[in-house]
Structure formats: structure tokens, C-alpha cells
């Protein structure tokens, strides 16, 4: 495979407008808004910070880093185990389904573009229903296949997640576009800190319980009206 411009590759992989359906998922935020818990810029910031620090750090980002290294080492069995582990730690149905849908759509975009043997084998395992194909695992595999450095892949993943949450807050609370950009800009130091920590995930903490997020996600399934799928 010819040398890839890793900056462009990173921007492409983490582009919030990538047609995988990320805009249709709120990960329980819609419940927080309808209950009045998230209702202004300050509470929106609290939601985003806690989602990044208490949820993604110990689930998706940790699994992404492990999947990246397993892909680099050509360990298909480890990728399968990590994907199944991801299914186990995502307790709510809609969040689990969202992760599967995003992962599959991401793979359908990049698999034919890269034509990487291990990526093809991972996709085959999904098609054989051995695994689900979670977004964070697929992201880690594709980043490794594109020769994106792990630190850059983690930073891009966090940034993509932060943009999605800020956009959802702007729509749901609602907030002004300028307020949304202020929130995003203010997250830069935290994203840097979490990105560095993500290089060395503590495997014993993967799936650490985030009870409130899980409960709000479960409640989202039964909201009378809603804009988002999760």
C-alpha cells in the first residue's frame, strides 16, 4: 500500500460528517434534557465532561487502543475477543445497537478502500456472526491499517465524540452555535489529557460502571417522543 498522508487519513476517519449515522444518536442525552437535568451551557458541559472522563475513557477508548495494538500484531483472535468484550460492557440495548451500526457503516466505507487482509478477516467474522463489529474496535483497526499513530487516533476519536455531543446539546437544550463552539474549545485541555491517558489503558477498569448514563439510556427507549435513536 502506498504511503498515506496520515493527517488527511486522520481527518477522513474522524470526520463528523462521515455518512455512518452518528448524528442520529445521543447516548442518553435526550433523556437528560427531557428530565431537565441538562438545561443550559453549564449542565451541558458537565454531561460532556463526565461522558468523556467516566464513560468513554473506560470503554470505547480503552478498547480502541487494545484493538489497535492487536491489529498491529496481526491477532485476529484478540480482535474477536475485544469485540465480544465490547458487547458485554455496553449494557443498554440502544447504545449497543448504535455501536454495531456505526462500526458496520465505518467498515463498509473503508474496507474496500484499504483492502487489508486482517481487516477483511475481521469483517468476515462479523458476517459469520461471530462478533458484532463495534465502532471503537473498527476505528482502531482502520486507524492501524491507515498507519495513523495511536496517539493521533485516540485524539481524533475523542474529538469526534466531543463534537457529536456538543452538536446534540446545541440542538436539544437548545444552545447557540457560538455557545457550542465555546464548549468545544474549552474541552481542548481535557481532550489532550485523556488522549495521553488512553495510550496506556488499565484493562481491569474496562466497563467500569456508569449507572446514571446506563439508566438514562434505558429510559430513552421509552420516551414519549424523541429525535434520536439512542
Protein backbone atom coordinates (compact mmCIF):
# COMPACT_ATOMS: atom_id res chain seq x y z
CA UNK A 1 0.00 0.00 0.00
CA UNK A 2 1.43 3.43 -0.89
CA UNK A 3 2.36 5.79 1.93
CA UNK A 4 -0.72 7.57 3.28
CA UNK A 5 -0.75 11.19 4.32
CA UNK A 6 -1.65 10.48 7.93
CA UNK A 7 -3.10 13.91 8.63
CA UNK A 8 -5.61 13.56 5.80
CA UNK A 9 -6.27 9.96 6.80
CA UNK A 10 -6.98 11.01 10.39
CA UNK A 11 -9.27 13.82 9.29
CA UNK A 12 -11.14 11.46 6.96
CA UNK A 13 -11.59 8.72 9.58
CA UNK A 14 -12.78 11.11 12.29
CA UNK A 15 -14.85 13.46 10.13
CA UNK A 16 -18.14 14.14 11.99
CA UNK A 17 -19.92 14.30 8.62
CA UNK A 18 -18.82 10.80 7.63
CA UNK A 19 -22.02 9.06 6.44
CA UNK A 20 -22.27 6.45 9.20
CA UNK A 21 -25.26 7.90 11.06
CA UNK A 22 -23.52 9.31 14.12
CA UNK A 23 -25.79 12.38 14.07
CA UNK A 24 -28.81 10.20 14.95
CA UNK A 25 -27.52 9.02 18.34
CA UNK A 26 -27.46 11.00 21.61
CA UNK A 27 -26.32 8.23 24.02
CA UNK A 28 -28.98 9.12 26.55
CA UNK A 29 -28.55 12.91 26.37
CA UNK A 30 -32.11 13.31 25.14
CA UNK A 31 -33.37 11.78 28.38
CA UNK A 32 -31.24 14.16 30.46
CA UNK A 33 -32.70 17.12 28.55
CA UNK A 34 -36.32 15.97 28.85
CA UNK A 35 -35.84 15.47 32.60
CA UNK A 36 -34.41 18.97 32.92
CA UNK A 37 -31.03 17.73 34.19
CA UNK A 38 -29.20 19.18 31.19
CA UNK A 39 -30.78 22.58 30.54
CA UNK A 40 -28.05 25.16 29.90
CA UNK A 41 -24.41 25.54 28.88
CA UNK A 42 -23.05 24.65 32.34
CA UNK A 43 -25.04 21.43 32.67
CA UNK A 44 -24.31 20.53 29.05
CA UNK A 45 -20.60 20.90 29.79
CA UNK A 46 -20.96 18.70 32.87
CA UNK A 47 -22.66 15.99 30.80
CA UNK A 48 -19.98 16.07 28.11
CA UNK A 49 -17.04 16.09 30.55
CA UNK A 50 -18.44 13.20 32.56
CA UNK A 51 -19.24 11.22 29.42
CA UNK A 52 -15.65 11.65 28.23
CA UNK A 53 -13.99 11.06 31.61
CA UNK A 54 -16.22 8.44 33.19
CA UNK A 55 -17.60 6.55 30.21
CA UNK A 56 -15.53 6.68 27.02
CA UNK A 57 -12.20 6.56 28.84
CA UNK A 58 -13.03 3.18 30.37
CA UNK A 59 -14.94 1.65 27.48
CA UNK A 60 -14.57 2.73 23.86
CA UNK A 61 -11.17 4.42 24.07
CA UNK A 62 -9.57 1.65 26.11
CA UNK A 63 -10.91 -0.96 23.69
CA UNK A 64 -9.82 1.13 20.70
CA UNK A 65 -6.22 1.21 21.97
CA UNK A 66 -6.19 -2.53 22.61
CA UNK A 67 -7.72 -3.24 19.20
CA UNK A 68 -5.14 -1.00 17.51
CA UNK A 69 -2.27 -2.94 19.10
CA UNK A 70 -3.90 -6.30 18.35
CA UNK A 71 -4.28 -5.26 14.71
CA UNK A 72 -0.64 -4.18 14.54
CA UNK A 73 0.32 -7.61 15.89
CA UNK A 74 -1.98 -9.41 13.41
CA UNK A 75 -4.01 -11.02 16.22
CA UNK A 76 -7.43 -11.79 14.81
CA UNK A 77 -8.40 -13.88 17.84
CA UNK A 78 -7.67 -10.94 20.13
CA UNK A 79 -9.76 -8.61 17.97
CA UNK A 80 -12.66 -11.05 18.18
CA UNK A 81 -12.27 -11.25 21.97
CA UNK A 82 -12.18 -7.46 22.27
CA UNK A 83 -15.28 -7.07 20.13
CA UNK A 84 -17.18 -9.55 22.29
CA UNK A 85 -15.91 -7.75 25.38
CA UNK A 86 -17.30 -4.51 23.99
CA UNK A 87 -20.71 -6.16 23.61
CA UNK A 88 -20.51 -7.22 27.26
CA UNK A 89 -19.70 -3.79 28.68
CA UNK A 90 -22.39 -1.92 26.73
CA UNK A 91 -25.33 -2.71 28.97
CA UNK A 92 -28.13 -0.82 27.24
CA UNK A 93 -29.69 -2.18 24.08
CA UNK A 94 -29.85 1.01 22.03
CA UNK A 95 -26.26 2.03 22.84
CA UNK A 96 -25.06 -1.45 21.92
CA UNK A 97 -27.04 -1.35 18.66
CA UNK A 98 -25.72 2.12 17.87
CA UNK A 99 -22.14 0.91 18.32
CA UNK A 100 -22.81 -2.01 15.96
CA UNK A 101 -24.43 0.16 13.30
CA UNK A 102 -21.68 2.78 13.37
CA UNK A 103 -19.00 0.10 13.25
CA UNK A 104 -20.52 -1.69 10.30
CA UNK A 105 -21.02 1.52 8.32
CA UNK A 106 -17.45 2.60 9.05
CA UNK A 107 -16.13 -0.75 7.83
CA UNK A 108 -18.25 -0.64 4.69
CA UNK A 109 -16.64 2.68 3.79
CA UNK A 110 -13.01 1.83 4.50
CA UNK A 111 -12.71 -1.93 3.92
CA UNK A 112 -12.88 -1.70 0.10
CA UNK A 113 -10.62 1.37 0.12
CA UNK A 114 -7.87 -0.31 2.12
CA UNK A 115 -8.22 -3.99 1.11
CA UNK A 116 -6.18 -5.08 4.13
CA UNK A 117 -6.06 -8.83 4.82
CA UNK A 118 -6.68 -8.60 8.58
CA UNK A 119 -9.44 -6.03 8.12
CA UNK A 120 -11.07 -8.39 5.60
CA UNK A 121 -10.84 -11.24 8.12
CA UNK A 122 -12.37 -9.09 10.85
CA UNK A 123 -15.24 -8.20 8.52
CA UNK A 124 -15.69 -11.87 7.65
CA UNK A 125 -16.02 -12.72 11.35
CA UNK A 126 -18.80 -10.12 11.58
CA UNK A 127 -20.56 -11.53 8.53
CA UNK A 128 -20.35 -15.00 10.09
CA UNK A 129 -21.98 -13.52 13.24
CA UNK A 130 -19.05 -14.49 15.44
CA UNK A 131 -18.90 -10.86 16.58
CA UNK A 132 -20.99 -7.70 16.28
CA UNK A 133 -18.48 -5.24 14.82
CA UNK A 134 -18.32 -2.37 17.31
CA UNK A 135 -17.43 1.18 16.28
CA UNK A 136 -14.45 1.61 18.61
CA UNK A 137 -12.90 -1.72 17.53
CA UNK A 138 -13.42 -0.93 13.86
CA UNK A 139 -11.99 2.57 14.38
CA UNK A 140 -8.86 1.16 16.00
CA UNK A 141 -8.39 -1.42 13.25
CA UNK A 142 -8.85 1.10 10.44
CA UNK A 143 -6.53 3.62 12.10
CA UNK A 144 -3.81 0.97 12.34
CA UNK A 145 -4.39 -0.10 8.72
CA UNK A 146 -4.01 3.53 7.62
CA UNK A 147 -0.76 3.95 9.59
CA UNK A 148 -2.24 6.62 11.84
CA UNK A 149 -0.28 6.84 15.10
CA UNK A 150 -2.21 5.53 18.10
CA UNK A 151 -1.99 8.87 19.96
CA UNK A 152 -3.47 10.66 16.95
CA UNK A 153 -6.19 8.03 16.52
CA UNK A 154 -7.24 8.36 20.16
CA UNK A 155 -7.25 12.17 19.98
CA UNK A 156 -9.32 12.02 16.79
CA UNK A 157 -11.80 9.59 18.36
CA UNK A 158 -12.24 11.80 21.43
CA UNK A 159 -12.61 14.92 19.31
CA UNK A 160 -15.22 13.25 17.09
CA UNK A 161 -17.16 12.19 20.20
CA UNK A 162 -16.94 15.68 21.72
CA UNK A 163 -18.15 17.32 18.51
CA UNK A 164 -21.10 14.93 18.39
CA UNK A 165 -22.09 15.65 21.98
CA UNK A 166 -21.74 19.41 21.56
CA UNK A 167 -23.84 19.31 18.39
CA UNK A 168 -26.53 17.30 20.18
CA UNK A 169 -26.56 19.79 23.07
CA UNK A 170 -26.93 22.71 20.66
CA UNK A 171 -29.97 21.02 19.12
CA UNK A 172 -31.62 19.61 22.22
CA UNK A 173 -31.08 22.12 25.06
CA UNK A 174 -31.01 24.28 22.84
CA UNK A 175 -27.80 26.34 22.82
CA UNK A 176 -26.50 28.88 20.35
CA UNK A 177 -23.87 27.80 17.83
CA UNK A 178 -21.39 30.19 19.45
CA UNK A 179 -22.00 28.67 22.87
CA UNK A 180 -21.43 25.24 21.37
CA UNK A 181 -18.07 26.32 19.98
CA UNK A 182 -17.11 27.82 23.34
CA UNK A 183 -17.88 24.48 24.98
CA UNK A 184 -15.81 22.61 22.42
CA UNK A 185 -12.87 25.00 22.72
CA UNK A 186 -12.95 24.67 26.48
CA UNK A 187 -12.66 20.89 26.18
CA UNK A 188 -9.25 21.02 24.46
CA UNK A 189 -7.14 20.60 27.66
CA UNK A 190 -9.29 17.69 28.81
CA UNK A 191 -9.12 16.02 25.39
CA UNK A 192 -5.33 16.31 25.48
CA UNK A 193 -5.13 14.81 28.98
CA UNK A 194 -7.49 11.95 28.14
CA UNK A 195 -5.68 11.30 24.87
CA UNK A 196 -2.39 10.78 26.67
CA UNK A 197 -4.01 8.56 29.30
CA UNK A 198 -5.65 6.49 26.56
CA UNK A 199 -2.29 5.23 25.34
CA UNK A 200 -2.00 3.02 28.42
CA UNK A 201 -5.48 1.76 29.34
CA UNK A 202 -5.98 -0.11 32.60
CA UNK A 203 -7.66 -3.33 31.46
CA UNK A 204 -9.04 -4.00 34.94
CA UNK A 205 -11.17 -0.84 34.67
CA UNK A 206 -12.75 -1.59 31.30
CA UNK A 207 -16.50 -1.45 31.67
CA UNK A 208 -16.38 0.40 35.00
CA UNK A 209 -19.98 1.08 35.97
CA UNK A 210 -21.62 4.33 34.82
CA UNK A 211 -25.01 3.77 36.40
CA UNK A 212 -26.62 7.13 35.61
CA UNK A 213 -25.67 7.01 31.93
CA UNK A 214 -26.96 3.46 31.65
CA UNK A 215 -30.26 4.29 33.38
CA UNK A 216 -30.88 7.36 31.20
CA UNK A 217 -30.10 5.31 28.08
CA UNK A 218 -32.61 2.67 29.17
CA UNK A 219 -35.21 5.35 29.85
CA UNK A 220 -34.60 6.76 26.37
CA UNK A 221 -36.09 3.61 24.87
CA UNK A 222 -39.44 4.55 26.42
CA UNK A 223 -39.61 8.31 25.90
CA UNK A 224 -42.97 9.50 24.55
CA UNK A 225 -41.29 11.49 21.79
CA UNK A 226 -37.69 11.69 20.69
CA UNK A 227 -35.39 12.95 17.95
CA UNK A 228 -32.54 10.46 18.41
CA UNK A 229 -32.19 6.69 18.09
CA UNK A 230 -30.27 6.28 21.35
